[in-house]
């Protein structure tokens, strides 16, 4: 969740995509993105996203609005890829008003998703198992 939370500071900038791409790679996410209250979105990897994509109706966006805080979704079918994924998402507020939701997506069996699901899986444990 820390990687996604760090995207809050750039989400409202004119071009957050370069930072999103770096965060996706560093965090092991298939995509890092922001959904704006204006029903628009920006993605680190926009391939496959429908032209009429409305982030405000997606489960990850609605859950953040409902909880007014960070969420991890239950697995769902991704609108762009049709694959089963999980999203880690956080609100982006300005002067107390929700402006956007930043999310990071992990697919089933993805290494980044495994790290995210198992916080006890430390760097040392992963390195030891790979030797």
Protein backbone atom coordinates (compact mmCIF):
# COMPACT_ATOMS: atom_id res chain seq x y z
CA UNK A 1 0.00 0.00 0.00
CA UNK A 2 2.97 2.33 0.62
CA UNK A 3 3.89 2.45 -3.07
CA UNK A 4 0.35 3.42 -4.05
CA UNK A 5 0.04 5.96 -1.22
CA UNK A 6 3.20 7.64 -2.49
CA UNK A 7 1.37 8.39 -5.77
CA UNK A 8 -1.07 10.70 -4.01
CA UNK A 9 1.33 13.63 -4.29
CA UNK A 10 1.62 13.40 -8.09
CA UNK A 11 -1.92 12.28 -8.94
CA UNK A 12 -3.20 15.84 -9.38
CA UNK A 13 -0.20 16.98 -11.45
CA UNK A 14 -0.54 17.60 -15.19
CA UNK A 15 1.33 14.40 -16.11
CA UNK A 16 1.55 11.75 -13.38
CA UNK A 17 2.08 8.91 -15.88
CA UNK A 18 5.93 8.85 -15.83
CA UNK A 19 5.88 8.52 -12.04
CA UNK A 20 3.11 5.91 -12.25
CA UNK A 21 5.29 3.84 -14.60
CA UNK A 22 8.17 3.96 -12.14
CA UNK A 23 5.89 3.02 -9.24
CA UNK A 24 4.40 0.11 -11.21
CA UNK A 25 7.84 -1.29 -11.90
CA UNK A 26 9.13 -0.72 -8.37
CA UNK A 27 6.02 -2.15 -6.70
CA UNK A 28 5.39 -5.06 -9.04
CA UNK A 29 2.02 -3.76 -10.25
CA UNK A 30 0.62 -4.41 -13.73
CA UNK A 31 -0.81 -0.90 -13.74
CA UNK A 32 -0.83 2.21 -11.55
CA UNK A 33 -3.56 4.71 -12.27
CA UNK A 34 -5.68 7.57 -11.06
CA UNK A 35 -9.42 7.96 -11.45
CA UNK A 36 -10.68 11.52 -11.17
CA UNK A 37 -14.04 12.65 -9.83
CA UNK A 38 -14.55 14.20 -13.31
CA UNK A 39 -14.89 10.60 -14.66
CA UNK A 40 -11.52 10.63 -16.42
CA UNK A 41 -8.45 8.55 -15.69
CA UNK A 42 -4.70 8.22 -16.41
CA UNK A 43 -2.84 4.91 -16.51
CA UNK A 44 0.77 3.79 -16.47
CA UNK A 45 -0.32 1.22 -19.09
CA UNK A 46 -3.45 2.39 -20.94
CA UNK A 47 -3.58 -0.47 -23.48
CA UNK A 48 -6.96 -2.18 -23.52
CA UNK A 49 -8.77 0.51 -21.52
CA UNK A 50 -12.14 1.21 -23.19
CA UNK A 51 -12.65 4.72 -24.60
CA UNK A 52 -15.74 5.22 -22.42
CA UNK A 53 -13.99 4.06 -19.21
CA UNK A 54 -15.51 5.72 -16.14
CA UNK A 55 -13.37 5.12 -13.05
CA UNK A 56 -16.04 6.39 -10.67
CA UNK A 57 -18.21 3.30 -11.25
CA UNK A 58 -15.38 0.82 -10.65
CA UNK A 59 -15.35 -1.15 -7.37
CA UNK A 60 -11.96 0.19 -6.26
CA UNK A 61 -13.11 3.79 -6.65
CA UNK A 62 -16.46 3.23 -4.94
CA UNK A 63 -14.86 1.37 -2.03
CA UNK A 64 -12.45 4.23 -1.35
CA UNK A 65 -15.34 6.70 -1.45
CA UNK A 66 -17.36 4.51 0.95
CA UNK A 67 -14.57 3.94 3.45
CA UNK A 68 -12.92 7.35 3.04
CA UNK A 69 -9.57 5.58 3.23
CA UNK A 70 -7.24 2.99 1.71
CA UNK A 71 -8.70 -0.29 0.44
CA UNK A 72 -7.69 -3.62 -1.03
CA UNK A 73 -10.41 -4.98 -3.27
CA UNK A 74 -11.63 -8.52 -3.52
CA UNK A 75 -10.50 -10.15 -6.79
CA UNK A 76 -12.42 -8.91 -9.83
CA UNK A 77 -12.26 -9.07 -13.63
CA UNK A 78 -10.23 -6.17 -15.04
CA UNK A 79 -12.11 -4.00 -17.58
CA UNK A 80 -9.05 -3.68 -19.85
CA UNK A 81 -7.55 -7.18 -19.79
CA UNK A 82 -10.41 -9.46 -18.75
CA UNK A 83 -8.07 -11.05 -16.17
CA UNK A 84 -8.64 -11.58 -12.46
CA UNK A 85 -6.93 -8.80 -10.46
CA UNK A 86 -6.81 -7.08 -7.08
CA UNK A 87 -6.47 -3.32 -6.61
CA UNK A 88 -4.81 -1.39 -3.81
CA UNK A 89 -6.33 2.11 -3.74
CA UNK A 90 -6.13 5.33 -1.74
CA UNK A 91 -8.05 8.63 -1.80
CA UNK A 92 -6.52 11.84 -3.10
CA UNK A 93 -7.93 14.87 -1.32
CA UNK A 94 -7.41 18.59 -1.69
CA UNK A 95 -8.60 20.80 1.17
CA UNK A 96 -10.61 17.86 2.52
CA UNK A 97 -12.45 17.21 -0.75
CA UNK A 98 -12.01 13.97 -2.71
CA UNK A 99 -10.44 14.83 -6.07
CA UNK A 100 -9.32 11.39 -7.20
CA UNK A 101 -8.49 7.82 -6.27
CA UNK A 102 -5.06 6.32 -6.99
CA UNK A 103 -4.83 2.58 -7.51
CA UNK A 104 -2.36 -0.15 -8.28
CA UNK A 105 -3.41 -3.42 -9.85
CA UNK A 106 -1.87 -6.87 -9.25
CA UNK A 107 -2.82 -9.95 -11.23
CA UNK A 108 -3.22 -13.46 -9.86
CA UNK A 109 0.15 -15.12 -9.33
CA UNK A 110 2.06 -11.93 -10.01
CA UNK A 111 5.19 -11.49 -7.95
CA UNK A 112 4.25 -7.98 -6.79
CA UNK A 113 0.83 -9.21 -5.77
CA UNK A 114 2.42 -11.98 -3.71
CA UNK A 115 4.58 -9.46 -1.89
CA UNK A 116 1.58 -7.24 -1.29
CA UNK A 117 -0.61 -10.06 0.06
CA UNK A 118 2.05 -11.46 2.40
CA UNK A 119 3.74 -8.75 4.47
CA UNK A 120 5.72 -11.39 6.37
CA UNK A 121 7.52 -12.28 3.14
CA UNK A 122 10.59 -10.14 3.79
CA UNK A 123 13.34 -9.35 1.31
CA UNK A 124 15.70 -11.70 3.13
CA UNK A 125 13.19 -14.58 2.95
CA UNK A 126 12.64 -14.02 -0.79
CA UNK A 127 16.38 -13.87 -1.49
CA UNK A 128 17.02 -17.03 0.52
CA UNK A 129 14.31 -18.92 -1.38
CA UNK A 130 15.69 -17.82 -4.75
CA UNK A 131 19.20 -19.15 -4.06
